[in-house]
Amino acid sequence: MDVEEMAKKAKLKDLKEIAKKHDIKLGRCPTKLNIAKKIPKDELEALMSK
């Protein structure tokens, strides 16, 4: 599964929590895909396995 598919299935709230945990600046109005590209891939995969 690639990043785009995982971003579509993930919840925005969960993506933002992961980004906050890693101190990633999201900008003014981030989309789910933008956040998914910035966070580590292993974190994204862990979120999908939940």
Protein backbone atom coordinates (compact mmCIF):
# COMPACT_ATOMS: atom_id res chain seq x y z
CA MET A 1 0.00 0.00 0.00
CA ASP A 2 1.44 3.40 -0.91
CA VAL A 3 1.31 6.63 1.07
CA GLU A 4 -1.68 8.05 -0.83
CA GLU A 5 -3.86 5.03 -0.08
CA MET A 6 -2.85 5.02 3.58
CA ALA A 7 -3.58 8.75 3.87
CA LYS A 8 -7.08 8.25 2.46
CA LYS A 9 -7.86 5.51 4.98
CA ALA A 10 -6.36 7.26 8.02
CA LYS A 11 -8.18 9.78 10.16
CA LEU A 12 -6.94 13.37 10.15
CA LYS A 13 -6.93 13.48 13.94
CA ASP A 14 -4.63 10.45 14.15
CA LEU A 15 -2.25 11.87 11.54
CA LYS A 16 -2.04 15.18 13.40
CA GLU A 17 -1.27 13.39 16.68
CA ILE A 18 1.63 11.51 15.09
CA ALA A 19 2.97 14.72 13.54
CA LYS A 20 2.74 16.50 16.88
CA LYS A 21 4.59 13.64 18.59
CA HIS A 22 7.46 14.04 16.11
CA ASP A 23 7.43 17.89 16.29
CA ILE A 24 6.58 18.26 12.61
CA LYS A 25 5.32 21.69 11.55
CA LEU A 26 2.18 21.26 9.47
CA GLY A 27 1.66 24.75 8.08
CA ARG A 28 -1.53 26.68 7.77
CA CYS A 29 -4.05 24.17 6.39
CA PRO A 30 -2.55 20.71 5.96
CA THR A 31 -4.27 17.95 4.06
CA LYS A 32 -4.16 14.31 5.06
CA LEU A 33 -1.78 13.56 2.19
CA ASN A 34 0.63 16.36 3.15
CA ILE A 35 0.79 15.12 6.73
CA ALA A 36 1.20 11.49 5.61
CA LYS A 37 4.18 12.43 3.43
CA LYS A 38 5.92 14.18 6.35
CA ILE A 39 5.52 11.56 9.07
CA PRO A 40 7.74 8.46 9.20
CA LYS A 41 6.48 5.59 7.05
CA ASP A 42 6.68 3.04 9.87
CA GLU A 43 4.37 5.20 12.01
CA LEU A 44 1.90 5.41 9.14
CA GLU A 45 1.98 1.66 8.66
CA ALA A 46 1.44 1.13 12.39
CA LEU A 47 -1.60 3.39 12.21
CA MET A 48 -3.03 1.33 9.34
CA SER A 49 -2.58 -1.93 11.24
CA LYS A 50 -4.71 -0.65 14.16
